[in-house]
N, C-alpha and C. Protein backbone atom coordinates (compact mmCIF):
# COMPACT_ATOMS: atom_id res chain seq x y z
N MET A 1 0.83 -1.19 0.09
CA MET A 1 -0.10 -0.03 0.02
C MET A 1 0.87 1.28 -0.01
N LYS A 2 1.98 1.14 0.81
CA LYS A 2 2.86 2.35 0.87
C LYS A 2 3.50 2.55 -0.40
N ARG A 3 3.87 1.64 -1.17
CA ARG A 3 4.52 1.62 -2.41
C ARG A 3 3.64 2.26 -3.50
N LEU A 4 2.41 1.91 -3.53
CA LEU A 4 1.36 2.40 -4.43
C LEU A 4 1.19 3.82 -4.14
N LEU A 5 1.01 4.21 -2.91
CA LEU A 5 0.84 5.68 -2.57
C LEU A 5 2.14 6.43 -2.94
N LEU A 6 3.29 5.89 -2.78
CA LEU A 6 4.53 6.60 -3.06
C LEU A 6 4.64 6.72 -4.60
N SER A 7 4.32 5.75 -5.36
CA SER A 7 4.36 5.79 -6.77
C SER A 7 3.39 6.86 -7.39
N ILE A 8 2.14 6.96 -6.73
CA ILE A 8 1.20 7.87 -7.25
C ILE A 8 1.62 9.31 -6.98
N CYS A 9 2.29 9.47 -5.87
CA CYS A 9 2.87 10.88 -5.46
C CYS A 9 3.94 11.30 -6.47
N LEU A 10 4.80 10.25 -6.79
CA LEU A 10 5.80 10.55 -7.63
C LEU A 10 5.32 10.83 -9.06
N THR A 11 4.42 10.10 -9.49
CA THR A 11 3.78 10.35 -10.77
C THR A 11 3.16 11.73 -10.86
N LEU A 12 2.44 12.12 -9.86
CA LEU A 12 1.80 13.44 -9.81
C LEU A 12 2.88 14.48 -9.81
N MET A 13 3.83 14.41 -9.06
CA MET A 13 5.02 15.35 -9.02
C MET A 13 5.58 15.52 -10.34
N ALA A 14 5.93 14.50 -11.01
CA ALA A 14 6.50 14.50 -12.36
C ALA A 14 5.53 15.28 -13.32
N ALA A 15 4.20 14.94 -13.23
CA ALA A 15 3.32 15.61 -14.08
C ALA A 15 3.22 17.09 -13.82
N VAL A 16 3.26 17.54 -12.60
CA VAL A 16 3.18 18.94 -12.28
C VAL A 16 4.51 19.62 -12.76
N HIS A 17 5.78 19.03 -12.67
CA HIS A 17 6.89 19.69 -13.23
C HIS A 17 6.82 19.71 -14.71
N ALA A 18 6.40 18.65 -15.43
CA ALA A 18 6.32 18.74 -16.79
C ALA A 18 5.40 19.73 -17.41
N GLY A 19 4.35 20.07 -16.69
CA GLY A 19 3.40 21.07 -17.13
C GLY A 19 3.94 22.46 -17.45
N GLY A 20 5.15 22.69 -16.74
CA GLY A 20 5.71 24.10 -17.19
C GLY A 20 6.67 24.13 -18.29
N ILE A 21 6.81 23.07 -18.97
CA ILE A 21 7.65 22.99 -20.19
C ILE A 21 6.87 23.46 -21.37
N GLU A 22 7.40 24.32 -22.07
CA GLU A 22 6.63 24.85 -23.27
C GLU A 22 7.18 24.06 -24.47
N VAL A 23 6.29 23.60 -25.27
CA VAL A 23 6.58 22.92 -26.47
C VAL A 23 5.81 23.48 -27.63
N TYR A 24 6.44 23.92 -28.63
CA TYR A 24 5.81 24.54 -29.85
C TYR A 24 6.13 23.72 -31.07
N ASN A 25 5.23 23.55 -31.88
CA ASN A 25 5.38 22.81 -33.23
C ASN A 25 5.50 23.84 -34.23
N PHE A 26 6.56 23.83 -35.15
CA PHE A 26 6.76 24.75 -36.16
C PHE A 26 6.54 24.11 -37.53
N ASP A 27 6.26 24.88 -38.51
CA ASP A 27 6.07 24.30 -39.82
C ASP A 27 7.16 23.81 -40.41
N ASP A 28 8.35 24.38 -40.15
CA ASP A 28 9.70 23.86 -40.66
C ASP A 28 10.80 24.31 -39.82
N LYS A 29 12.01 23.83 -40.11
CA LYS A 29 13.18 24.09 -39.32
C LYS A 29 13.62 25.53 -39.32
N ALA A 30 13.44 26.17 -40.48
CA ALA A 30 13.79 27.55 -40.60
C ALA A 30 12.98 28.44 -39.57
N GLN A 31 11.61 28.10 -39.58
CA GLN A 31 10.82 28.95 -38.66
C GLN A 31 11.25 28.69 -37.17
N GLU A 32 11.59 27.45 -36.83
CA GLU A 32 12.15 27.16 -35.52
C GLU A 32 13.38 27.96 -35.24
N ASN A 33 14.32 27.97 -36.19
CA ASN A 33 15.54 28.66 -36.00
C ASN A 33 15.38 30.13 -35.81
N VAL A 34 14.38 30.78 -36.54
CA VAL A 34 14.02 32.14 -36.42
C VAL A 34 13.47 32.43 -34.88
N TYR A 35 12.64 31.40 -34.49
CA TYR A 35 12.07 31.54 -33.11
C TYR A 35 13.17 31.61 -32.13
N LYS A 36 14.19 30.61 -32.31
CA LYS A 36 15.30 30.50 -31.35
C LYS A 36 16.09 31.78 -31.29
N GLU A 37 16.40 32.43 -32.47
CA GLU A 37 17.14 33.62 -32.56
C GLU A 37 16.32 34.72 -31.82
N LEU A 38 15.07 34.78 -32.12
CA LEU A 38 14.20 35.92 -31.52
C LEU A 38 14.19 35.79 -30.00
N VAL A 39 13.98 34.64 -29.45
CA VAL A 39 13.81 34.50 -28.01
C VAL A 39 15.23 34.76 -27.32
N ASP A 40 16.30 34.65 -28.06
CA ASP A 40 17.62 35.02 -27.48
C ASP A 40 17.92 36.53 -27.57
N GLU A 41 17.26 37.14 -28.56
CA GLU A 41 17.57 38.53 -28.73
C GLU A 41 16.59 39.51 -28.06
N LEU A 42 15.46 39.04 -27.59
CA LEU A 42 14.51 39.82 -26.87
C LEU A 42 14.75 39.78 -25.29
N ARG A 43 14.78 40.90 -24.79
CA ARG A 43 15.01 40.97 -23.32
C ARG A 43 13.68 40.90 -22.51
N CYS A 44 13.81 40.15 -21.41
CA CYS A 44 12.63 40.13 -20.50
C CYS A 44 12.57 41.45 -19.71
N LEU A 45 11.45 41.94 -19.76
CA LEU A 45 11.26 43.31 -19.00
C LEU A 45 11.10 43.15 -17.50
N VAL A 46 10.89 41.86 -17.00
CA VAL A 46 10.79 41.65 -15.64
C VAL A 46 12.15 41.40 -15.05
N CYS A 47 12.82 40.53 -15.73
CA CYS A 47 14.30 40.09 -15.28
C CYS A 47 15.29 41.14 -15.65
N GLN A 48 15.14 41.80 -16.73
CA GLN A 48 15.93 42.80 -17.33
C GLN A 48 17.33 42.25 -17.82
N ASN A 49 17.99 41.48 -17.17
CA ASN A 49 19.21 40.98 -17.70
C ASN A 49 19.14 39.58 -18.25
N GLN A 50 17.97 39.17 -18.56
CA GLN A 50 17.76 37.79 -19.26
C GLN A 50 17.00 37.92 -20.47
N ASN A 51 17.32 37.09 -21.40
CA ASN A 51 16.43 37.13 -22.60
C ASN A 51 15.20 36.24 -22.25
N ILE A 52 14.15 36.33 -23.12
CA ILE A 52 13.03 35.72 -22.97
C ILE A 52 13.09 34.23 -22.95
N SER A 53 14.10 33.61 -23.56
CA SER A 53 14.16 32.22 -23.58
C SER A 53 14.60 31.61 -22.20
N ALA A 54 15.43 32.42 -21.36
CA ALA A 54 15.87 31.89 -20.04
C ALA A 54 15.01 32.47 -18.98
N SER A 55 14.08 33.20 -19.16
CA SER A 55 13.25 33.71 -18.14
C SER A 55 12.02 32.83 -17.89
N ASN A 56 11.60 32.75 -16.57
CA ASN A 56 10.40 32.07 -16.27
C ASN A 56 9.19 32.98 -15.94
N ALA A 57 9.39 34.30 -16.05
CA ALA A 57 8.42 35.26 -15.73
C ALA A 57 7.18 35.11 -16.67
N GLU A 58 6.10 35.49 -16.15
CA GLU A 58 4.83 35.29 -16.94
C GLU A 58 4.84 36.19 -18.25
N LEU A 59 5.49 37.33 -18.10
CA LEU A 59 5.65 38.24 -19.25
C LEU A 59 6.43 37.55 -20.34
N ALA A 60 7.61 37.00 -19.92
CA ALA A 60 8.41 36.27 -20.83
C ALA A 60 7.62 35.07 -21.52
N GLN A 61 6.78 34.46 -20.81
CA GLN A 61 6.01 33.33 -21.37
C GLN A 61 5.02 33.92 -22.45
N ASP A 62 4.44 34.99 -22.05
CA ASP A 62 3.46 35.62 -22.99
C ASP A 62 4.21 36.17 -24.24
N MET A 63 5.37 36.60 -24.06
CA MET A 63 6.19 37.10 -25.19
C MET A 63 6.67 36.03 -26.16
N ARG A 64 6.90 34.78 -25.51
CA ARG A 64 7.22 33.68 -26.33
C ARG A 64 6.12 33.13 -27.10
N LYS A 65 4.96 33.08 -26.43
CA LYS A 65 3.73 32.65 -27.12
C LYS A 65 3.40 33.65 -28.35
N LYS A 66 3.52 34.89 -28.08
CA LYS A 66 3.22 35.91 -29.10
C LYS A 66 4.16 35.78 -30.24
N THR A 67 5.40 35.45 -29.91
CA THR A 67 6.43 35.23 -31.00
C THR A 67 6.02 34.16 -31.92
N VAL A 68 5.66 32.99 -31.22
CA VAL A 68 5.22 31.72 -32.02
C VAL A 68 3.94 32.15 -32.92
N GLN A 69 2.99 32.87 -32.26
CA GLN A 69 1.79 33.19 -33.01
C GLN A 69 2.19 34.01 -34.25
N LEU A 70 3.07 34.99 -34.04
CA LEU A 70 3.44 35.88 -35.23
C LEU A 70 4.11 35.20 -36.21
N LEU A 71 4.98 34.18 -35.76
CA LEU A 71 5.73 33.30 -36.84
C LEU A 71 4.86 32.47 -37.60
N LYS A 72 3.80 31.88 -36.87
CA LYS A 72 2.83 31.08 -37.63
C LYS A 72 1.95 31.94 -38.64
N GLU A 73 1.82 33.25 -38.25
CA GLU A 73 0.98 34.08 -39.20
C GLU A 73 1.81 34.48 -40.36
N GLY A 74 3.15 34.06 -40.38
CA GLY A 74 4.01 34.55 -41.51
C GLY A 74 4.82 35.74 -41.46
N LYS A 75 4.83 36.31 -40.13
CA LYS A 75 5.69 37.52 -40.10
C LYS A 75 7.09 37.26 -40.02
N SER A 76 8.03 38.24 -40.47
CA SER A 76 9.37 38.02 -40.61
C SER A 76 9.99 38.29 -39.27
N LYS A 77 11.28 38.04 -39.14
CA LYS A 77 11.94 38.42 -37.94
C LYS A 77 11.98 39.95 -37.52
N GLY A 78 12.20 40.71 -38.66
CA GLY A 78 12.22 42.07 -38.45
C GLY A 78 10.73 42.72 -38.12
N GLU A 79 9.86 42.13 -38.72
CA GLU A 79 8.37 42.54 -38.29
C GLU A 79 8.07 42.13 -36.85
N ILE A 80 8.51 41.08 -36.42
CA ILE A 80 8.29 40.65 -35.02
C ILE A 80 9.05 41.47 -34.04
N THR A 81 10.35 41.78 -34.34
CA THR A 81 10.97 42.75 -33.43
C THR A 81 10.50 44.08 -33.46
N GLU A 82 9.96 44.55 -34.65
CA GLU A 82 9.37 45.86 -34.59
C GLU A 82 8.02 45.81 -33.79
N PHE A 83 7.24 44.69 -33.82
CA PHE A 83 6.05 44.67 -33.01
C PHE A 83 6.38 44.64 -31.63
N MET A 84 7.31 43.95 -31.15
CA MET A 84 7.81 43.84 -29.80
C MET A 84 8.30 45.12 -29.22
N SER A 85 8.88 45.85 -30.11
CA SER A 85 9.50 47.25 -29.75
C SER A 85 8.38 48.23 -29.62
N GLN A 86 7.45 48.19 -30.42
CA GLN A 86 6.34 49.03 -30.42
C GLN A 86 5.55 48.79 -29.16
N ARG A 87 5.35 47.57 -28.83
CA ARG A 87 4.51 47.13 -27.72
C ARG A 87 5.23 47.44 -26.38
N TYR A 88 6.50 46.97 -26.25
CA TYR A 88 7.22 47.10 -24.98
C TYR A 88 8.18 48.15 -24.93
N GLY A 89 8.54 48.84 -25.94
CA GLY A 89 9.58 49.97 -25.97
C GLY A 89 10.86 49.34 -26.46
N ASP A 90 11.85 50.15 -26.73
CA ASP A 90 13.21 49.77 -27.26
C ASP A 90 13.92 48.89 -26.20
N PHE A 91 13.63 49.10 -25.00
CA PHE A 91 14.35 48.27 -23.97
C PHE A 91 14.21 46.81 -24.06
N VAL A 92 13.14 46.31 -24.83
CA VAL A 92 13.07 44.96 -25.08
C VAL A 92 14.08 44.33 -26.02
N LEU A 93 14.73 45.26 -26.71
CA LEU A 93 15.70 44.77 -27.70
C LEU A 93 17.05 44.89 -27.04
N TYR A 94 17.95 43.92 -27.23
CA TYR A 94 19.29 44.02 -26.74
C TYR A 94 20.18 44.93 -27.64
N LYS A 95 19.70 45.06 -28.88
CA LYS A 95 20.48 46.00 -29.76
C LYS A 95 19.38 46.94 -30.30
N PRO A 96 19.20 48.07 -29.49
CA PRO A 96 18.16 49.06 -29.93
C PRO A 96 18.64 49.89 -31.07
N PRO A 97 17.66 50.30 -31.86
CA PRO A 97 17.92 51.14 -33.00
C PRO A 97 18.48 52.54 -32.66
N PHE A 98 19.27 53.07 -33.52
CA PHE A 98 19.76 54.39 -33.22
C PHE A 98 18.76 55.43 -33.63
N LYS A 99 18.27 56.18 -32.54
CA LYS A 99 17.34 57.22 -32.74
C LYS A 99 17.43 58.28 -31.67
N ALA A 100 16.73 59.22 -31.61
CA ALA A 100 17.02 60.28 -30.55
C ALA A 100 16.76 59.80 -29.20
N SER A 101 15.84 58.88 -28.92
CA SER A 101 15.62 58.44 -27.60
C SER A 101 16.70 57.44 -27.17
N THR A 102 17.34 56.72 -28.08
CA THR A 102 18.45 55.78 -27.67
C THR A 102 19.80 56.37 -28.01
N ALA A 103 19.99 57.59 -28.43
CA ALA A 103 21.30 58.10 -28.74
C ALA A 103 22.30 57.95 -27.60
N VAL A 104 21.83 58.25 -26.36
CA VAL A 104 22.71 58.13 -25.26
C VAL A 104 23.30 56.80 -25.10
N LEU A 105 22.46 55.78 -25.32
CA LEU A 105 22.90 54.37 -25.25
C LEU A 105 24.09 54.04 -26.18
N TRP A 106 24.05 54.71 -27.34
CA TRP A 106 24.98 54.50 -28.37
C TRP A 106 26.30 55.34 -28.25
N ILE A 107 26.08 56.59 -27.85
CA ILE A 107 27.15 57.59 -27.86
C ILE A 107 27.91 57.51 -26.53
N ALA A 108 27.30 57.22 -25.39
CA ALA A 108 27.95 57.30 -24.08
C ALA A 108 29.16 56.45 -23.93
N PRO A 109 29.21 55.19 -24.48
CA PRO A 109 30.48 54.41 -24.32
C PRO A 109 31.61 55.12 -25.01
N PHE A 110 31.44 55.69 -26.21
CA PHE A 110 32.46 56.31 -26.95
C PHE A 110 32.87 57.59 -26.22
N ALA A 111 31.90 58.35 -25.68
CA ALA A 111 32.27 59.57 -24.96
C ALA A 111 33.12 59.23 -23.59
N PHE A 112 32.65 58.19 -22.91
CA PHE A 112 33.48 57.70 -21.78
C PHE A 112 34.83 57.32 -22.12
N PHE A 113 34.99 56.70 -23.30
CA PHE A 113 36.35 56.24 -23.74
C PHE A 113 37.21 57.47 -24.08
N ILE A 114 36.65 58.46 -24.68
CA ILE A 114 37.43 59.59 -25.10
C ILE A 114 37.78 60.41 -23.85
N ILE A 115 36.90 60.49 -22.90
CA ILE A 115 37.17 61.33 -21.72
C ILE A 115 38.28 60.52 -20.86
N ALA A 116 38.29 59.25 -20.85
CA ALA A 116 39.24 58.42 -20.14
C ALA A 116 40.62 58.62 -20.82
N ILE A 117 40.68 58.58 -22.14
CA ILE A 117 41.91 58.83 -22.85
C ILE A 117 42.60 60.26 -22.52
N TRP A 118 41.53 61.23 -22.47
CA TRP A 118 42.02 62.55 -22.30
C TRP A 118 42.65 62.73 -20.87
N LEU A 119 41.88 62.07 -19.89
CA LEU A 119 42.36 62.17 -18.56
C LEU A 119 43.67 61.53 -18.34
N MET A 120 43.82 60.37 -18.97
CA MET A 120 45.07 59.61 -18.94
C MET A 120 46.25 60.43 -19.50
N LEU A 121 45.97 61.03 -20.69
CA LEU A 121 47.04 61.90 -21.24
C LEU A 121 47.46 63.05 -20.43
N ARG A 122 46.41 63.69 -19.85
CA ARG A 122 46.63 64.83 -18.99
C ARG A 122 47.42 64.44 -17.77
N THR A 123 47.10 63.29 -17.14
CA THR A 123 47.88 62.81 -16.00
C THR A 123 49.31 62.54 -16.36
N ILE A 124 49.53 61.83 -17.56
CA ILE A 124 50.90 61.63 -17.92
C ILE A 124 51.69 62.83 -18.24
N ARG A 125 51.09 63.89 -18.84
CA ARG A 125 51.81 65.18 -19.05
C ARG A 125 52.09 65.84 -17.68
N ALA A 126 51.28 65.81 -16.79
CA ALA A 126 51.44 66.38 -15.56
C ALA A 126 52.58 65.76 -14.71
N ARG A 127 52.64 64.58 -14.78
CA ARG A 127 53.74 63.76 -14.10
C ARG A 127 55.13 63.96 -14.83
N LYS A 128 55.09 64.07 -16.17
CA LYS A 128 56.21 64.40 -16.83
C LYS A 128 56.77 65.72 -16.57
N GLN A 129 55.84 66.71 -16.42
CA GLN A 129 56.30 68.16 -15.97
C GLN A 129 56.81 68.13 -14.55
N GLU A 130 56.29 67.41 -13.65
CA GLU A 130 56.75 67.32 -12.27
C GLU A 130 58.22 66.65 -12.29
N ASN A 131 58.30 65.60 -13.12
CA ASN A 131 59.71 65.09 -13.19
C ASN A 131 60.70 66.07 -13.79
N GLU A 132 60.29 66.77 -14.81
CA GLU A 132 61.19 67.72 -15.31
C GLU A 132 61.57 68.85 -14.31
N LEU A 133 60.62 69.21 -13.59
CA LEU A 133 60.90 70.28 -12.51
C LEU A 133 61.74 69.74 -11.38
N SER A 134 61.68 68.51 -11.20
CA SER A 134 62.43 67.92 -10.00
C SER A 134 63.85 67.57 -10.36
N GLU A 135 64.25 67.76 -11.61
CA GLU A 135 65.66 67.51 -11.99
C GLU A 135 66.60 68.48 -11.28
N LEU A 136 67.76 68.00 -10.86
CA LEU A 136 68.79 68.82 -10.17
C LEU A 136 69.60 69.67 -11.07
N SER A 137 69.93 70.87 -10.62
CA SER A 137 70.86 71.67 -11.45
C SER A 137 72.20 71.22 -11.36
N ASP A 138 73.13 71.82 -12.11
CA ASP A 138 74.56 71.35 -12.09
C ASP A 138 75.18 71.77 -10.67
N ASP A 139 74.90 72.91 -10.15
CA ASP A 139 75.35 73.25 -8.81
C ASP A 139 74.93 72.30 -7.71
N GLN A 140 73.66 71.82 -7.87
CA GLN A 140 73.16 70.90 -6.82
C GLN A 140 73.84 69.64 -6.93
N VAL A 141 74.10 69.04 -8.21
CA VAL A 141 74.85 67.88 -8.41
C VAL A 141 76.35 67.91 -7.96
N LYS A 142 76.90 69.12 -8.08
CA LYS A 142 78.29 69.21 -7.54
C LYS A 142 78.36 69.26 -6.01
N GLN A 143 77.32 69.83 -5.49
CA GLN A 143 77.25 69.88 -3.97
C GLN A 143 76.97 68.50 -3.49
N ALA A 144 76.18 67.74 -4.10
CA ALA A 144 75.87 66.41 -3.63
C ALA A 144 77.11 65.60 -3.87
N ALA A 145 77.79 65.76 -4.82
CA ALA A 145 79.02 64.96 -5.09
C ALA A 145 80.09 65.29 -3.98
N SER A 146 80.18 66.59 -3.65
CA SER A 146 81.30 66.94 -2.64
C SER A 146 80.80 66.39 -1.21
N LEU A 147 79.50 66.41 -0.91
CA LEU A 147 79.03 65.81 0.29
C LEU A 147 79.30 64.27 0.32
N LEU A 148 79.15 63.66 -0.74
CA LEU A 148 79.45 62.25 -0.79
C LEU A 148 81.02 62.04 -0.62
N GLN A 149 81.71 62.75 -1.31
CA GLN A 149 83.16 62.64 -1.24
C GLN A 149 83.64 62.91 0.26
N SER A 150 83.11 63.92 0.84
CA SER A 150 83.55 64.16 2.27
C SER A 150 83.08 63.14 3.19
N ASN A 151 81.94 62.52 2.95
CA ASN A 151 81.45 61.36 3.91
C ASN A 151 82.34 60.16 3.62
N SER A 152 82.75 59.97 2.38
CA SER A 152 83.60 58.82 2.13
C SER A 152 84.95 58.89 2.75
N ASP A 153 85.52 60.17 2.75
CA ASP A 153 86.78 60.47 3.37
C ASP A 153 86.74 60.32 4.88
N LYS A 154 85.61 60.71 5.44
CA LYS A 154 85.49 60.50 6.92
C LYS A 154 85.40 58.94 7.38
N ASP A 155 84.66 58.27 6.40
CA ASP A 155 84.49 56.88 6.67
C ASP A 155 85.90 56.10 6.59
N SER A 156 86.81 56.55 5.63
CA SER A 156 88.05 55.89 5.46
C SER A 156 89.01 56.22 6.55
N LYS A 157 88.91 57.45 7.18
CA LYS A 157 89.71 57.90 8.25
C LYS A 157 89.37 57.13 9.51
N THR A 158 88.10 56.77 9.71
CA THR A 158 87.76 56.16 10.98
C THR A 158 88.02 54.64 10.88
N SER A 159 88.24 54.10 9.70
CA SER A 159 88.43 52.72 9.67
C SER A 159 89.79 52.27 9.94
């Protein structure tokens, strides 16, 4: 009796876990490949750093279902990304288009790079000028040499 109850519980647990797996049937292999590319390129708005293929959020599930629906309607990859972008905003795309609202996303990395190079060059020039200013004059070199010579003469006399 215990074995029967245990096997029923295990079977029900397996059925519950299998219910969360999404299985979609595609007309051909090309359509399936486009689907895989799309779900890897679209960002989950709930998780934000996951694509919709890796996310378990309800919104990601809905986005995957809508992607399949649009593919079965004969929409192209570009049309589907345009639809998702219009519906959820450009944030849903990992590669947002260049336009006024996304210009900062495209320009900021280059601006930070140029600023970093400028700061680095400025620091190098400042250090170079400090080193040039800290060089000893001929009189200072002669004075240091005479001090060293007098110290070595004292050391030799005490030995």
